[in-house]
Amino acid sequence: MEQEKYNKLRYQLMESFSWPSLYMFKFIIPNSDEKVNAIKALFPSETQFSYKTSKDLKFIGITVKKTMESADAVIDIYIKAQSIEGVMML
């Protein structure tokens, strides 16, 4: 099961937050509209994103602040993000 490898993160999230809680996601991806749109598709349309490109413009960092209902909801986003080629999750 995919979520099993996230057990440590789940434990840390349960210890560090009281749910629902504002959570900050950070992703670094190759700089392409396709990949940016793939990250944006993981969240509801009203979600606000902030972006920062690398100096050579090859990568883009995306920060997302979103109120999440549970640690499992956070992990579900990370599991879905794994399918985006080249994504790094911080």
C-alpha atoms as a PDB file:
ATOM      1  CA  MET A   1       0.000   0.000   0.000  1.00  0.00           C
ATOM      2  CA  GLU A   2       1.377   3.379  -1.052  1.00  0.00           C
ATOM      3  CA  GLN A   3       0.493   5.130   2.207  1.00  0.00           C
ATOM      4  CA  GLU A   4       2.645   2.773   4.289  1.00  0.00           C
ATOM      5  CA  LYS A   5       5.833   4.564   3.316  1.00  0.00           C
ATOM      6  CA  TYR A   6       4.299   7.764   4.684  1.00  0.00           C
ATOM      7  CA  ASN A   7       3.743   6.387   8.198  1.00  0.00           C
ATOM      8  CA  LYS A   8       6.578   8.477   9.693  1.00  0.00           C
ATOM      9  CA  LEU A   9       5.239  11.643   8.072  1.00  0.00           C
ATOM     10  CA  ARG A  10       1.710  10.815   9.258  1.00  0.00           C
ATOM     11  CA  TYR A  11       3.001  10.424  12.818  1.00  0.00           C
ATOM     12  CA  GLN A  12       4.883  13.754  12.623  1.00  0.00           C
ATOM     13  CA  LEU A  13       1.828  15.529  11.210  1.00  0.00           C
ATOM     14  CA  MET A  14      -0.406  14.099  13.933  1.00  0.00           C
ATOM     15  CA  GLU A  15       2.049  15.214  16.621  1.00  0.00           C
ATOM     16  CA  SER A  16       2.706  18.686  15.187  1.00  0.00           C
ATOM     17  CA  PHE A  17      -0.735  19.873  14.080  1.00  0.00           C
ATOM     18  CA  SER A  18      -4.286  19.887  15.348  1.00  0.00           C
ATOM     19  CA  TRP A  19      -6.598  19.204  12.422  1.00  0.00           C
ATOM     20  CA  PRO A  20      -8.003  20.919  10.446  1.00  0.00           C
ATOM     21  CA  SER A  21      -4.906  23.087  10.111  1.00  0.00           C
ATOM     22  CA  LEU A  22      -3.149  25.413   7.686  1.00  0.00           C
ATOM     23  CA  TYR A  23      -0.411  23.412   5.976  1.00  0.00           C
ATOM     24  CA  MET A  24       2.323  24.609   3.652  1.00  0.00           C
ATOM     25  CA  PHE A  25       3.311  22.411   0.720  1.00  0.00           C
ATOM     26  CA  LYS A  26       6.529  23.074  -1.188  1.00  0.00           C
ATOM     27  CA  PHE A  27       7.301  21.541  -4.558  1.00  0.00           C
ATOM     28  CA  ILE A  28      10.206  22.015  -6.945  1.00  0.00           C
ATOM     29  CA  ILE A  29       9.549  20.973 -10.521  1.00  0.00           C
ATOM     30  CA  PRO A  30      11.111  21.392 -13.946  1.00  0.00           C
ATOM     31  CA  ASN A  31       9.917  24.753 -15.285  1.00  0.00           C
ATOM     32  CA  SER A  32       7.111  23.896 -17.690  1.00  0.00           C
ATOM     33  CA  ASP A  33       3.487  24.974 -17.912  1.00  0.00           C
ATOM     34  CA  GLU A  34       2.450  21.329 -18.079  1.00  0.00           C
ATOM     35  CA  LYS A  35       4.113  20.503 -14.745  1.00  0.00           C
ATOM     36  CA  VAL A  36       2.892  23.703 -13.047  1.00  0.00           C
ATOM     37  CA  ASN A  37      -0.646  22.871 -14.159  1.00  0.00           C
ATOM     38  CA  ALA A  38      -0.249  19.315 -12.860  1.00  0.00           C
ATOM     39  CA  ILE A  39       0.615  20.668  -9.385  1.00  0.00           C
ATOM     40  CA  LYS A  40      -2.247  23.173  -9.536  1.00  0.00           C
ATOM     41  CA  ALA A  41      -4.656  20.362 -10.433  1.00  0.00           C
ATOM     42  CA  LEU A  42      -3.954  18.692  -7.064  1.00  0.00           C
ATOM     43  CA  PHE A  43      -5.758  21.529  -5.273  1.00  0.00           C
ATOM     44  CA  PRO A  44      -9.162  23.240  -5.506  1.00  0.00           C
ATOM     45  CA  SER A  45      -9.360  26.105  -8.005  1.00  0.00           C
ATOM     46  CA  GLU A  46      -9.548  28.801  -5.301  1.00  0.00           C
ATOM     47  CA  THR A  47      -6.175  27.775  -3.848  1.00  0.00           C
ATOM     48  CA  GLN A  48      -3.450  30.430  -3.886  1.00  0.00           C
ATOM     49  CA  PHE A  49       0.012  29.551  -5.118  1.00  0.00           C
ATOM     50  CA  SER A  50       3.316  31.398  -4.970  1.00  0.00           C
ATOM     51  CA  TYR A  51       6.113  30.749  -7.434  1.00  0.00           C
ATOM     52  CA  LYS A  52       9.848  31.277  -7.551  1.00  0.00           C
ATOM     53  CA  THR A  53      12.072  30.315 -10.462  1.00  0.00           C
ATOM     54  CA  SER A  54      15.663  29.194 -10.184  1.00  0.00           C
ATOM     55  CA  LYS A  55      18.328  31.595 -11.446  1.00  0.00           C
ATOM     56  CA  ASP A  56      18.814  29.561 -14.625  1.00  0.00           C
ATOM     57  CA  LEU A  57      14.990  29.272 -15.069  1.00  0.00           C
ATOM     58  CA  LYS A  58      15.209  25.476 -15.320  1.00  0.00           C
ATOM     59  CA  PHE A  59      13.145  24.879 -12.184  1.00  0.00           C
ATOM     60  CA  ILE A  60      10.243  26.509 -10.448  1.00  0.00           C
ATOM     61  CA  GLY A  61       9.402  26.334  -6.762  1.00  0.00           C
ATOM     62  CA  ILE A  62       5.729  26.287  -5.862  1.00  0.00           C
ATOM     63  CA  THR A  63       4.480  27.058  -2.365  1.00  0.00           C
ATOM     64  CA  VAL A  64       0.893  26.257  -1.460  1.00  0.00           C
ATOM     65  CA  LYS A  65      -0.772  27.237   1.812  1.00  0.00           C
ATOM     66  CA  LYS A  66      -3.996  25.337   2.291  1.00  0.00           C
ATOM     67  CA  THR A  67      -6.203  24.414   5.210  1.00  0.00           C
ATOM     68  CA  MET A  68      -6.182  20.643   5.298  1.00  0.00           C
ATOM     69  CA  GLU A  69      -8.683  18.475   7.140  1.00  0.00           C
ATOM     70  CA  SER A  70      -6.284  15.759   8.299  1.00  0.00           C
ATOM     71  CA  ALA A  71      -2.802  14.305   8.084  1.00  0.00           C
ATOM     72  CA  ASP A  72      -4.151  11.749   5.621  1.00  0.00           C
ATOM     73  CA  ALA A  73      -5.425  14.556   3.357  1.00  0.00           C
ATOM     74  CA  VAL A  74      -1.886  15.993   3.291  1.00  0.00           C
ATOM     75  CA  ILE A  75      -0.411  12.584   2.477  1.00  0.00           C
ATOM     76  CA  ASP A  76      -2.958  12.065  -0.307  1.00  0.00           C
ATOM     77  CA  ILE A  77      -1.646  15.245  -2.002  1.00  0.00           C
ATOM     78  CA  TYR A  78       1.937  13.974  -1.731  1.00  0.00           C
ATOM     79  CA  ILE A  79       0.970  10.583  -3.175  1.00  0.00           C
ATOM     80  CA  LYS A  80      -0.732  12.238  -6.149  1.00  0.00           C
ATOM     81  CA  ALA A  81       2.223  14.605  -6.667  1.00  0.00           C
ATOM     82  CA  GLN A  82       4.599  11.627  -6.966  1.00  0.00           C
ATOM     83  CA  SER A  83       3.180  10.897 -10.411  1.00  0.00           C
ATOM     84  CA  ILE A  84       4.481  14.225 -11.772  1.00  0.00           C
ATOM     85  CA  GLU A  85       7.790  13.524 -13.472  1.00  0.00           C
ATOM     86  CA  GLY A  86      10.716  15.382 -11.908  1.00  0.00           C
ATOM     87  CA  VAL A  87       8.812  16.651  -8.856  1.00  0.00           C
ATOM     88  CA  MET A  88      10.690  17.199  -5.600  1.00  0.00           C
ATOM     89  CA  MET A  89       8.591  17.526  -2.464  1.00  0.00           C
ATOM     90  CA  LEU A  90      10.026  19.407   0.492  1.00  0.00           C
END
